[in-house]
Amino acid sequence: IRGYRIELGEIESALRAALPESLAQVAVIAREVSQQNQN
């Protein structure tokens, strides 16, 4: 993403570590977002 290699599992792991008591499940995905500007 934007020239950087992303590991989705590492983001999910960071979220679990940040919210150990309140978070039951987490999933991180990447999606393309359409822009209003067609260019």
Full PDB file with SEQRES, HELIX, SHEET, SSBOND, CRYST1, ORIGX, SCALE, CONECT and MASTER records, all heavy atoms in Angstrom:
SEQRES   1 A   39  ILE ARG GLY TYR ARG ILE GLU LEU GLY GLU ILE GLU SER          
SEQRES   2 A   39  ALA LEU ARG ALA ALA LEU PRO GLU SER LEU ALA GLN VAL          
SEQRES   3 A   39  ALA VAL ILE ALA ARG GLU VAL SER GLN GLN ASN GLN ASN          
HELIX    1 AA1 LEU A    8  ALA A   18  1                                  11    
CRYST1    1.000    1.000    1.000  90.00  90.00  90.00 P 1           1          
ORIGX1      1.000000  0.000000  0.000000        0.00000                         
ORIGX2      0.000000  1.000000  0.000000        0.00000                         
ORIGX3      0.000000  0.000000  1.000000        0.00000                         
SCALE1      1.000000  0.000000  0.000000        0.00000                         
SCALE2      0.000000  1.000000  0.000000        0.00000                         
SCALE3      0.000000  0.000000  1.000000        0.00000                         
ATOM      1  N   ILE A   1       0.863  -1.184   0.000  1.00  0.00           N  
ATOM      2  CA  ILE A   1       0.000   0.000   0.000  1.00  0.00           C  
ATOM      3  C   ILE A   1       0.893   1.226   0.000  1.00  0.00           C  
ATOM      4  O   ILE A   1       1.731   1.392   0.890  1.00  0.00           O  
ATOM      5  CB  ILE A   1      -0.931   0.015   1.220  1.00  0.00           C  
ATOM      6  CG1 ILE A   1      -1.923  -1.158   1.153  1.00  0.00           C  
ATOM      7  CG2 ILE A   1      -1.695   1.324   1.304  1.00  0.00           C  
ATOM      8  CD1 ILE A   1      -2.892  -1.201   2.300  1.00  0.00           C  
ATOM      9  N   ARG A   2       0.737   2.052  -1.003  1.00  0.00           N  
ATOM     10  CA  ARG A   2       1.506   3.285  -1.146  1.00  0.00           C  
ATOM     11  C   ARG A   2       3.017   3.022  -1.072  1.00  0.00           C  
ATOM     12  O   ARG A   2       3.770   3.788  -0.491  1.00  0.00           O  
ATOM     13  CB  ARG A   2       1.068   4.307  -0.091  1.00  0.00           C  
ATOM     14  CG  ARG A   2      -0.440   4.554  -0.081  1.00  0.00           C  
ATOM     15  CD  ARG A   2      -0.804   5.793   0.697  1.00  0.00           C  
ATOM     16  NE  ARG A   2      -0.507   5.735   2.092  1.00  0.00           N  
ATOM     17  CZ  ARG A   2      -1.301   5.172   2.999  1.00  0.00           C  
ATOM     18  NH1 ARG A   2      -2.439   4.616   2.632  1.00  0.00           N  
ATOM     19  NH2 ARG A   2      -0.982   5.191   4.276  1.00  0.00           N  
ATOM     20  N   GLY A   3       3.419   1.880  -1.654  1.00  0.00           N  
ATOM     21  CA  GLY A   3       4.837   1.558  -1.722  1.00  0.00           C  
ATOM     22  C   GLY A   3       5.373   0.818  -0.521  1.00  0.00           C  
ATOM     23  O   GLY A   3       6.531   0.391  -0.521  1.00  0.00           O  
ATOM     24  N   TYR A   4       4.554   0.610   0.512  1.00  0.00           N  
ATOM     25  CA  TYR A   4       4.999  -0.089   1.717  1.00  0.00           C  
ATOM     26  C   TYR A   4       4.416  -1.494   1.735  1.00  0.00           C  
ATOM     27  O   TYR A   4       3.253  -1.709   1.387  1.00  0.00           O  
ATOM     28  CB  TYR A   4       4.539   0.644   2.979  1.00  0.00           C  
ATOM     29  CG  TYR A   4       5.146   2.007   3.165  1.00  0.00           C  
ATOM     30  CD1 TYR A   4       4.442   3.152   2.803  1.00  0.00           C  
ATOM     31  CD2 TYR A   4       6.408   2.157   3.714  1.00  0.00           C  
ATOM     32  CE1 TYR A   4       4.990   4.416   2.980  1.00  0.00           C  
ATOM     33  CE2 TYR A   4       6.963   3.410   3.890  1.00  0.00           C  
ATOM     34  CZ  TYR A   4       6.255   4.530   3.527  1.00  0.00           C  
ATOM     35  OH  TYR A   4       6.794   5.782   3.705  1.00  0.00           O  
ATOM     36  N   ARG A   5       5.228  -2.462   2.164  1.00  0.00           N  
ATOM     37  CA  ARG A   5       4.726  -3.829   2.323  1.00  0.00           C  
ATOM     38  C   ARG A   5       3.987  -3.930   3.656  1.00  0.00           C  
ATOM     39  O   ARG A   5       4.530  -3.606   4.714  1.00  0.00           O  
ATOM     40  CB  ARG A   5       5.874  -4.842   2.270  1.00  0.00           C  
ATOM     41  CG  ARG A   5       5.391  -6.285   2.321  1.00  0.00           C  
ATOM     42  CD  ARG A   5       6.501  -7.246   1.997  1.00  0.00           C  
ATOM     43  NE  ARG A   5       6.979  -7.084   0.644  1.00  0.00           N  
ATOM     44  CZ  ARG A   5       6.358  -7.574  -0.438  1.00  0.00           C  
ATOM     45  NH1 ARG A   5       5.235  -8.248  -0.296  1.00  0.00           N  
ATOM     46  NH2 ARG A   5       6.869  -7.399  -1.624  1.00  0.00           N  
ATOM     47  N   ILE A   6       2.749  -4.374   3.575  1.00  0.00           N  
ATOM     48  CA  ILE A   6       1.880  -4.450   4.751  1.00  0.00           C  
ATOM     49  C   ILE A   6       1.612  -5.905   5.097  1.00  0.00           C  
ATOM     50  O   ILE A   6       1.371  -6.733   4.214  1.00  0.00           O  
ATOM     51  CB  ILE A   6       0.532  -3.739   4.478  1.00  0.00           C  
ATOM     52  CG1 ILE A   6       0.754  -2.289   4.053  1.00  0.00           C  
ATOM     53  CG2 ILE A   6      -0.364  -3.814   5.702  1.00  0.00           C  
ATOM     54  CD1 ILE A   6       1.331  -1.414   5.119  1.00  0.00           C  
ATOM     55  N   GLU A   7       1.645  -6.224   6.373  1.00  0.00           N  
ATOM     56  CA  GLU A   7       1.294  -7.546   6.859  1.00  0.00           C  
ATOM     57  C   GLU A   7       0.052  -7.407   7.720  1.00  0.00           C  
ATOM     58  O   GLU A   7       0.095  -6.865   8.828  1.00  0.00           O  
ATOM     59  CB  GLU A   7       2.454  -8.159   7.643  1.00  0.00           C  
ATOM     60  CG  GLU A   7       3.654  -8.473   6.755  1.00  0.00           C  
ATOM     61  CD  GLU A   7       4.957  -8.515   7.515  1.00  0.00           C  
ATOM     62  OE1 GLU A   7       4.942  -8.159   8.705  1.00  0.00           O  
ATOM     63  OE2 GLU A   7       5.977  -8.885   6.923  1.00  0.00           O  
ATOM     64  N   LEU A   8      -1.086  -7.866   7.206  1.00  0.00           N  
ATOM     65  CA  LEU A   8      -2.355  -7.671   7.884  1.00  0.00           C  
ATOM     66  C   LEU A   8      -2.366  -8.345   9.256  1.00  0.00           C  
ATOM     67  O   LEU A   8      -2.941  -7.815  10.202  1.00  0.00           O  
ATOM     68  CB  LEU A   8      -3.497  -8.208   7.016  1.00  0.00           C  
ATOM     69  CG  LEU A   8      -3.644  -7.568   5.628  1.00  0.00           C  
ATOM     70  CD1 LEU A   8      -4.806  -8.200   4.881  1.00  0.00           C  
ATOM     71  CD2 LEU A   8      -3.838  -6.066   5.752  1.00  0.00           C  
ATOM     72  N   GLY A   9      -1.716  -9.497   9.341  1.00  0.00           N  
ATOM     73  CA  GLY A   9      -1.684 -10.202  10.622  1.00  0.00           C  
ATOM     74  C   GLY A   9      -0.985  -9.414  11.713  1.00  0.00           C  
ATOM     75  O   GLY A   9      -1.343  -9.511  12.894  1.00  0.00           O  
ATOM     76  N   GLU A  10       0.016  -8.616  11.341  1.00  0.00           N  
ATOM     77  CA  GLU A  10       0.729  -7.819  12.337  1.00  0.00           C  
ATOM     78  C   GLU A  10      -0.172  -6.715  12.879  1.00  0.00           C  
ATOM     79  O   GLU A  10      -0.115  -6.378  14.069  1.00  0.00           O  
ATOM     80  CB  GLU A  10       1.986  -7.220  11.715  1.00  0.00           C  
ATOM     81  CG  GLU A  10       2.905  -6.560  12.731  1.00  0.00           C  
ATOM     82  CD  GLU A  10       4.253  -6.187  12.153  1.00  0.00           C  
ATOM     83  OE1 GLU A  10       4.459  -6.382  10.947  1.00  0.00           O  
ATOM     84  OE2 GLU A  10       5.098  -5.706  12.927  1.00  0.00           O  
ATOM     85  N   ILE A  11      -1.031  -6.148  12.025  1.00  0.00           N  
ATOM     86  CA  ILE A  11      -1.968  -5.121  12.476  1.00  0.00           C  
ATOM     87  C   ILE A  11      -2.995  -5.742  13.414  1.00  0.00           C  
ATOM     88  O   ILE A  11      -3.331  -5.181  14.463  1.00  0.00           O  
ATOM     89  CB  ILE A  11      -2.655  -4.453  11.279  1.00  0.00           C  
ATOM     90  CG1 ILE A  11      -1.611  -3.871  10.328  1.00  0.00           C  
ATOM     91  CG2 ILE A  11      -3.606  -3.360  11.747  1.00  0.00           C  
ATOM     92  CD1 ILE A  11      -2.188  -3.361   9.026  1.00  0.00           C  
ATOM     93  N   GLU A  12      -3.507  -6.915  13.049  1.00  0.00           N  
ATOM     94  CA  GLU A  12      -4.476  -7.595  13.904  1.00  0.00           C  
ATOM     95  C   GLU A  12      -3.858  -7.927  15.259  1.00  0.00           C  
ATOM     96  O   GLU A  12      -4.500  -7.773  16.303  1.00  0.00           O  
ATOM     97  CB  GLU A  12      -4.965  -8.860  13.211  1.00  0.00           C  
ATOM     98  CG  GLU A  12      -5.778  -8.594  11.953  1.00  0.00           C  
ATOM     99  CD  GLU A  12      -6.094  -9.851  11.156  1.00  0.00           C  
ATOM    100  OE1 GLU A  12      -5.535 -10.918  11.503  1.00  0.00           O  
ATOM    101  OE2 GLU A  12      -6.878  -9.769  10.200  1.00  0.00           O  
ATOM    102  N   SER A  13      -2.598  -8.376  15.237  1.00  0.00           N  
ATOM    103  CA  SER A  13      -1.914  -8.690  16.491  1.00  0.00           C  
ATOM    104  C   SER A  13      -1.755  -7.456  17.363  1.00  0.00           C  
ATOM    105  O   SER A  13      -1.926  -7.512  18.588  1.00  0.00           O  
ATOM    106  CB  SER A  13      -0.540  -9.307  16.181  1.00  0.00           C  
ATOM    107  OG  SER A  13       0.165  -9.606  17.367  1.00  0.00           O  
ATOM    108  N   ALA A  14      -1.450  -6.308  16.739  1.00  0.00           N  
ATOM    109  CA  ALA A  14      -1.296  -5.067  17.496  1.00  0.00           C  
ATOM    110  C   ALA A  14      -2.618  -4.633  18.120  1.00  0.00           C  
ATOM    111  O   ALA A  14      -2.651  -4.125  19.252  1.00  0.00           O  
ATOM    112  CB  ALA A  14      -0.750  -3.968  16.588  1.00  0.00           C  
ATOM    113  N   LEU A  15      -3.719  -4.830  17.409  1.00  0.00           N  
ATOM    114  CA  LEU A  15      -5.031  -4.485  17.960  1.00  0.00           C  
ATOM    115  C   LEU A  15      -5.388  -5.383  19.140  1.00  0.00           C  
ATOM    116  O   LEU A  15      -5.914  -4.918  20.162  1.00  0.00           O  
ATOM    117  CB  LEU A  15      -6.102  -4.585  16.878  1.00  0.00           C  
ATOM    118  CG  LEU A  15      -6.188  -3.402  15.913  1.00  0.00           C  
ATOM    119  CD1 LEU A  15      -7.023  -3.752  14.691  1.00  0.00           C  
ATOM    120  CD2 LEU A  15      -6.767  -2.178  16.631  1.00  0.00           C  
ATOM    121  N   ARG A  16      -5.091  -6.675  19.013  1.00  0.00           N  
ATOM    122  CA  ARG A  16      -5.366  -7.583  20.140  1.00  0.00           C  
ATOM    123  C   ARG A  16      -4.542  -7.197  21.368  1.00  0.00           C  
ATOM    124  O   ARG A  16      -5.028  -7.241  22.498  1.00  0.00           O  
ATOM    125  CB  ARG A  16      -5.053  -9.021  19.734  1.00  0.00           C  
ATOM    126  CG  ARG A  16      -5.984  -9.595  18.671  1.00  0.00           C  
ATOM    127  CD  ARG A  16      -5.743 -11.094  18.513  1.00  0.00           C  
ATOM    128  NE  ARG A  16      -6.477 -11.636  17.376  1.00  0.00           N  
ATOM    129  CZ  ARG A  16      -5.959 -11.813  16.178  1.00  0.00           C  
ATOM    130  NH1 ARG A  16      -4.675 -11.516  15.957  1.00  0.00           N  
ATOM    131  NH2 ARG A  16      -6.671 -12.299  15.199  1.00  0.00           N  
ATOM    132  N   ALA A  17      -3.282  -6.831  21.128  1.00  0.00           N  
ATOM    133  CA  ALA A  17      -2.421  -6.448  22.249  1.00  0.00           C  
ATOM    134  C   ALA A  17      -2.875  -5.149  22.890  1.00  0.00           C  
ATOM    135  O   ALA A  17      -2.749  -4.965  24.106  1.00  0.00           O  
ATOM    136  CB  ALA A  17      -0.968  -6.325  21.769  1.00  0.00           C  
ATOM    137  N   ALA A  18      -3.425  -4.234  22.084  1.00  0.00           N  
ATOM    138  CA  ALA A  18      -3.876  -2.939  22.608  1.00  0.00           C  
ATOM    139  C   ALA A  18      -5.184  -3.060  23.373  1.00  0.00           C  
ATOM    140  O   ALA A  18      -5.462  -2.257  24.267  1.00  0.00           O  
ATOM    141  CB  ALA A  18      -4.033  -1.938  21.463  1.00  0.00           C  
ATOM    142  N   LEU A  19      -5.998  -4.083  23.034  1.00  0.00           N  
ATOM    143  CA  LEU A  19      -7.313  -4.242  23.660  1.00  0.00           C  
ATOM    144  C   LEU A  19      -7.475  -5.670  24.173  1.00  0.00           C  
ATOM    145  O   LEU A  19      -8.374  -6.401  23.752  1.00  0.00           O  
ATOM    146  CB  LEU A  19      -8.417  -3.916  22.651  1.00  0.00           C  
ATOM    147  CG  LEU A  19      -8.353  -2.544  21.968  1.00  0.00           C  
ATOM    148  CD1 LEU A  19      -9.337  -2.485  20.808  1.00  0.00           C  
ATOM    149  CD2 LEU A  19      -8.648  -1.440  22.976  1.00  0.00           C  
ATOM    150  N   PRO A  20      -6.630  -6.093  25.103  1.00  0.00           N  
ATOM    151  CA  PRO A  20      -6.633  -7.504  25.513  1.00  0.00           C  
ATOM    152  C   PRO A  20      -7.910  -7.950  26.206  1.00  0.00           C  
ATOM    153  O   PRO A  20      -8.275  -9.119  26.138  1.00  0.00           O  
ATOM    154  CB  PRO A  20      -5.425  -7.593  26.459  1.00  0.00           C  
ATOM    155  CG  PRO A  20      -5.269  -6.199  26.990  1.00  0.00           C  
ATOM    156  CD  PRO A  20      -5.651  -5.296  25.853  1.00  0.00           C  
ATOM    157  N   GLU A  21      -8.605  -7.037  26.888  1.00  0.00           N  
ATOM    158  CA  GLU A  21      -9.783  -7.426  27.662  1.00  0.00           C  
ATOM    159  C   GLU A  21     -11.085  -7.155  26.940  1.00  0.00           C  
ATOM    160  O   GLU A  21     -12.101  -7.810  27.217  1.00  0.00           O  
ATOM    161  CB  GLU A  21      -9.776  -6.694  29.009  1.00  0.00           C  
ATOM    162  CG  GLU A  21      -8.575  -7.047  29.894  1.00  0.00           C  
ATOM    163  CD  GLU A  21      -8.628  -6.319  31.222  1.00  0.00           C  
ATOM    164  OE1 GLU A  21      -9.570  -5.506  31.417  1.00  0.00           O  
ATOM    165  OE2 GLU A  21      -7.741  -6.554  32.062  1.00  0.00           O  
ATOM    166  N   SER A  22     -11.100  -6.191  26.026  1.00  0.00           N  
ATOM    167  CA  SER A  22     -12.366  -5.785  25.415  1.00  0.00           C  
ATOM    168  C   SER A  22     -12.579  -6.300  24.002  1.00  0.00           C  
ATOM    169  O   SER A  22     -13.690  -6.256  23.483  1.00  0.00           O  
ATOM    170  CB  SER A  22     -12.478  -4.257  25.400  1.00  0.00           C  
ATOM    171  OG  SER A  22     -11.380  -3.671  24.717  1.00  0.00           O  
ATOM    172  N   LEU A  23     -11.520  -6.823  23.353  1.00  0.00           N  
ATOM    173  CA  LEU A  23     -11.627  -7.247  21.957  1.00  0.00           C  
ATOM    174  C   LEU A  23     -11.718  -8.761  21.864  1.00  0.00           C  
ATOM    175  O   LEU A  23     -10.840  -9.479  22.322  1.00  0.00           O  
ATOM    176  CB  LEU A  23     -10.422  -6.752  21.158  1.00  0.00           C  
ATOM    177  CG  LEU A  23     -10.434  -7.030  19.658  1.00  0.00           C  
ATOM    178  CD1 LEU A  23     -11.618  -6.354  18.977  1.00  0.00           C  
ATOM    179  CD2 LEU A  23      -9.124  -6.577  19.016  1.00  0.00           C  
ATOM    180  N   ALA A  24     -12.800  -9.251  21.226  1.00  0.00           N  
ATOM    181  CA  ALA A  24     -12.979 -10.687  21.070  1.00  0.00           C  
ATOM    182  C   ALA A  24     -12.424 -11.180  19.744  1.00  0.00           C  
ATOM    183  O   ALA A  24     -11.735 -12.197  19.696  1.00  0.00           O  
ATOM    184  CB  ALA A  24     -14.461 -11.044  21.179  1.00  0.00           C  
ATOM    185  N   GLN A  25     -12.740 -10.475  18.652  1.00  0.00           N  
ATOM    186  CA  GLN A  25     -12.279 -10.875  17.322  1.00  0.00           C  
ATOM    187  C   GLN A  25     -11.902  -9.636  16.526  1.00  0.00           C  
ATOM    188  O   GLN A  25     -12.424  -8.545  16.758  1.00  0.00           O  
ATOM    189  CB  GLN A  25     -13.381 -11.628  16.566  1.00  0.00           C  
ATOM    190  CG  GLN A  25     -13.759 -12.974  17.146  1.00  0.00           C  
ATOM    191  CD  GLN A  25     -14.906 -13.604  16.368  1.00  0.00           C  
ATOM    192  OE1 GLN A  25     -16.013 -13.097  16.367  1.00  0.00           O  
ATOM    193  NE2 GLN A  25     -14.629 -14.711  15.695  1.00  0.00           N  
ATOM    194  N   VAL A  26     -10.991  -9.831  15.572  1.00  0.00           N  
ATOM    195  CA  VAL A  26     -10.570  -8.722  14.724  1.00  0.00           C  
ATOM    196  C   VAL A  26     -10.173  -9.260  13.354  1.00  0.00           C  
ATOM    197  O   VAL A  26      -9.637 -10.362  13.236  1.00  0.00           O  
ATOM    198  CB  VAL A  26      -9.395  -7.939  15.361  1.00  0.00           C  
ATOM    199  CG1 VAL A  26      -8.206  -8.870  15.613  1.00  0.00           C  
ATOM    200  CG2 VAL A  26      -8.979  -6.781  14.469  1.00  0.00           C  
ATOM    201  N   ALA A  27     -10.474  -8.485  12.340  1.00  0.00           N  
ATOM    202  CA  ALA A  27     -10.026  -8.799  10.978  1.00  0.00           C  
ATOM    203  C   ALA A  27      -9.656  -7.492  10.304  1.00  0.00           C  
ATOM    204  O   ALA A  27     -10.393  -6.506  10.395  1.00  0.00           O  
ATOM    205  CB  ALA A  27     -11.119  -9.519  10.193  1.00  0.00           C  
ATOM    206  N   VAL A  28      -8.507  -7.473   9.656  1.00  0.00           N  
ATOM    207  CA  VAL A  28      -8.052  -6.297   8.915  1.00  0.00           C  
ATOM    208  C   VAL A  28      -7.951  -6.684   7.445  1.00  0.00           C  
ATOM    209  O   VAL A  28      -7.344  -7.706   7.111  1.00  0.00           O  
ATOM    210  CB  VAL A  28      -6.693  -5.783   9.427  1.00  0.00           C  
ATOM    211  CG1 VAL A  28      -6.218  -4.603   8.589  1.00  0.00           C  
ATOM    212  CG2 VAL A  28      -6.800  -5.379  10.890  1.00  0.00           C  
ATOM    213  N   ILE A  29      -8.560  -5.887   6.578  1.00  0.00           N  
ATOM    214  CA  ILE A  29      -8.517  -6.159   5.139  1.00  0.00           C  
ATOM    215  C   ILE A  29      -8.112  -4.889   4.406  1.00  0.00           C  
ATOM    216  O   ILE A  29      -8.127  -3.790   4.968  1.00  0.00           O  
ATOM    217  CB  ILE A  29      -9.871  -6.653   4.601  1.00  0.00           C  
ATOM    218  CG1 ILE A  29     -10.925  -5.532   4.676  1.00  0.00           C  
ATOM    219  CG2 ILE A  29     -10.335  -7.886   5.354  1.00  0.00           C  
ATOM    220  CD1 ILE A  29     -12.204  -5.859   3.951  1.00  0.00           C  
ATOM    221  N   ALA A  30      -7.744  -5.058   3.153  1.00  0.00           N  
ATOM    222  CA  ALA A  30      -7.425  -3.921   2.285  1.00  0.00           C  
ATOM    223  C   ALA A  30      -8.428  -3.893   1.147  1.00  0.00           C  
ATOM    224  O   ALA A  30      -8.747  -4.940   0.564  1.00  0.00           O  
ATOM    225  CB  ALA A  30      -6.006  -4.048   1.737  1.00  0.00           C  
ATOM    226  N   ARG A  31      -8.925  -2.694   0.849  1.00  0.00           N  
ATOM    227  CA  ARG A  31      -9.887  -2.539  -0.231  1.00  0.00           C  
ATOM    228  C   ARG A  31      -9.556  -1.293  -1.027  1.00  0.00           C  
ATOM    229  O   ARG A  31      -9.058  -0.302  -0.476  1.00  0.00           O  
ATOM    230  CB  ARG A  31     -11.314  -2.415   0.306  1.00  0.00           C  
ATOM    231  CG  ARG A  31     -11.974  -3.731   0.679  1.00  0.00           C  
ATOM    232  CD  ARG A  31     -13.398  -3.509   1.140  1.00  0.00           C  
ATOM    233  NE  ARG A  31     -14.079  -4.777   1.418  1.00  0.00           N  
ATOM    234  CZ  ARG A  31     -15.270  -4.873   1.978  1.00  0.00           C  
ATOM    235  NH1 ARG A  31     -15.916  -3.782   2.316  1.00  0.00           N  
ATOM    236  NH2 ARG A  31     -15.816  -6.050   2.183  1.00  0.00           N  
ATOM    237  N   GLU A  32      -9.859  -1.364  -2.321  1.00  0.00           N  
ATOM    238  CA  GLU A  32      -9.732  -0.168  -3.149  1.00  0.00           C  
ATOM    239  C   GLU A  32     -10.954   0.709  -2.943  1.00  0.00           C  
ATOM    240  O   GLU A  32     -12.081   0.227  -2.883  1.00  0.00           O  
ATOM    241  CB  GLU A  32      -9.606  -0.548  -4.638  1.00  0.00           C  
ATOM    242  CG  GLU A  32      -8.235  -1.058  -5.021  1.00  0.00           C  
ATOM    243  CD  GLU A  32      -8.052  -1.143  -6.528  1.00  0.00           C  
ATOM    244  OE1 GLU A  32      -9.042  -0.908  -7.249  1.00  0.00           O  
ATOM    245  OE2 GLU A  32      -6.928  -1.427  -6.966  1.00  0.00           O  
ATOM    246  N   VAL A  33     -10.700   2.008  -2.819  1.00  0.00           N  
ATOM    247  CA  VAL A  33     -11.769   2.975  -2.596  1.00  0.00           C  
ATOM    248  C   VAL A  33     -11.883   3.848  -3.828  1.00  0.00           C  
ATOM    249  O   VAL A  33     -10.887   4.417  -4.293  1.00  0.00           O  
ATOM    250  CB  VAL A  33     -11.477   3.835  -1.345  1.00  0.00           C  
ATOM    251  CG1 VAL A  33     -12.566   4.876  -1.148  1.00  0.00           C  
ATOM    252  CG2 VAL A  33     -11.365   2.946  -0.123  1.00  0.00           C  
ATOM    253  N   SER A  34     -13.083   3.967  -4.356  1.00  0.00           N  
ATOM    254  CA  SER A  34     -13.286   4.811  -5.537  1.00  0.00           C  
ATOM    255  C   SER A  34     -13.231   6.266  -5.131  1.00  0.00           C  
ATOM    256  O   SER A  34     -13.675   6.651  -4.041  1.00  0.00           O  
ATOM    257  CB  SER A  34     -14.641   4.504  -6.178  1.00  0.00           C  
ATOM    258  OG  SER A  34     -15.692   4.734  -5.277  1.00  0.00           O  
ATOM    259  N   GLN A  35     -12.665   7.078  -6.001  1.00  0.00           N  
ATOM    260  CA  GLN A  35     -12.525   8.496  -5.760  1.00  0.00           C  
ATOM    261  C   GLN A  35     -13.548   9.267  -6.591  1.00  0.00           C  
ATOM    262  O   GLN A  35     -13.934   8.855  -7.676  1.00  0.00           O  
ATOM    263  CB  GLN A  35     -11.116   8.980  -6.134  1.00  0.00           C  
ATOM    264  CG  GLN A  35     -10.019   8.295  -5.356  1.00  0.00           C  
ATOM    265  CD  GLN A  35      -9.946   8.746  -3.922  1.00  0.00           C  
ATOM    266  OE1 GLN A  35     -10.325   9.851  -3.596  1.00  0.00           O  
ATOM    267  NE2 GLN A  35      -9.480   7.873  -3.048  1.00  0.00           N  
ATOM    268  N   GLN A  36     -13.994  10.398  -6.070  1.00  0.00           N  
ATOM    269  CA  GLN A  36     -14.873  11.257  -6.842  1.00  0.00           C  
ATOM    270  C   GLN A  36     -14.141  11.804  -8.068  1.00  0.00           C  
ATOM    271  O   GLN A  36     -14.703  11.980  -9.133  1.00  0.00           O  
ATOM    272  CB  GLN A  36     -15.360  12.421  -5.985  1.00  0.00           C  
ATOM    273  CG  GLN A  36     -16.393  12.014  -4.936  1.00  0.00           C  
ATOM    274  CD  GLN A  36     -16.905  13.211  -4.176  1.00  0.00           C  
ATOM    275  OE1 GLN A  36     -16.188  14.197  -4.005  1.00  0.00           O  
ATOM    276  NE2 GLN A  36     -18.135  13.142  -3.731  1.00  0.00           N  
ATOM    277  N   ASN A  37     -12.857  12.066  -7.887  1.00  0.00           N  
ATOM    278  CA  ASN A  37     -12.054  12.580  -8.990  1.00  0.00           C  
ATOM    279  C   ASN A  37     -11.695  11.424  -9.919  1.00  0.00           C  
ATOM    280  O   ASN A  37     -10.951  10.521  -9.551  1.00  0.00           O  
ATOM    281  CB  ASN A  37     -10.775  13.226  -8.440  1.00  0.00           C  
ATOM    282  CG  ASN A  37      -9.927  13.871  -9.520  1.00  0.00           C  
ATOM    283  OD1 ASN A  37     -10.218  13.746 -10.701  1.00  0.00           O  
ATOM    284  ND2 ASN A  37      -8.901  14.559  -9.099  1.00  0.00           N  
ATOM    285  N   GLN A  38     -12.233  11.416 -11.134  1.00  0.00           N  
ATOM    286  CA  GLN A  38     -12.022  10.309 -12.044  1.00  0.00           C  
ATOM    287  C   GLN A  38     -10.572  10.201 -12.504  1.00  0.00           C  
ATOM    288  O   GLN A  38     -10.153   9.169 -13.016  1.00  0.00           O  
ATOM    289  CB  GLN A  38     -12.940  10.456 -13.258  1.00  0.00           C  
ATOM    290  CG  GLN A  38     -14.420  10.348 -12.902  1.00  0.00           C  
ATOM    291  CD  GLN A  38     -15.307  10.489 -14.118  1.00  0.00           C  
ATOM    292  OE1 GLN A  38     -14.836  10.788 -15.214  1.00  0.00           O  
ATOM    293  NE2 GLN A  38     -16.598  10.287 -13.922  1.00  0.00           N  
ATOM    294  N   ASN A  39      -9.789  11.272 -12.354  1.00  0.00           N  
ATOM    295  CA  ASN A  39      -8.386  11.244 -12.751  1.00  0.00           C  
ATOM    296  C   ASN A  39      -7.483  10.677 -11.658  1.00  0.00           C  
ATOM    297  O   ASN A  39      -6.289  10.524 -11.848  1.00  0.00           O  
ATOM    298  CB  ASN A  39      -7.903  12.649 -13.117  1.00  0.00           C  
ATOM    299  CG  ASN A  39      -8.621  13.187 -14.343  1.00  0.00           C  
ATOM    300  OD1 ASN A  39      -8.891  12.452 -15.278  1.00  0.00           O  
ATOM    301  ND2 ASN A  39      -8.935  14.475 -14.335  1.00  0.00           N  
TER     302      ASN A  39                                                      
MASTER        0    0    0    1    0    0    0    6  301    1    0    3          
END                                                                             
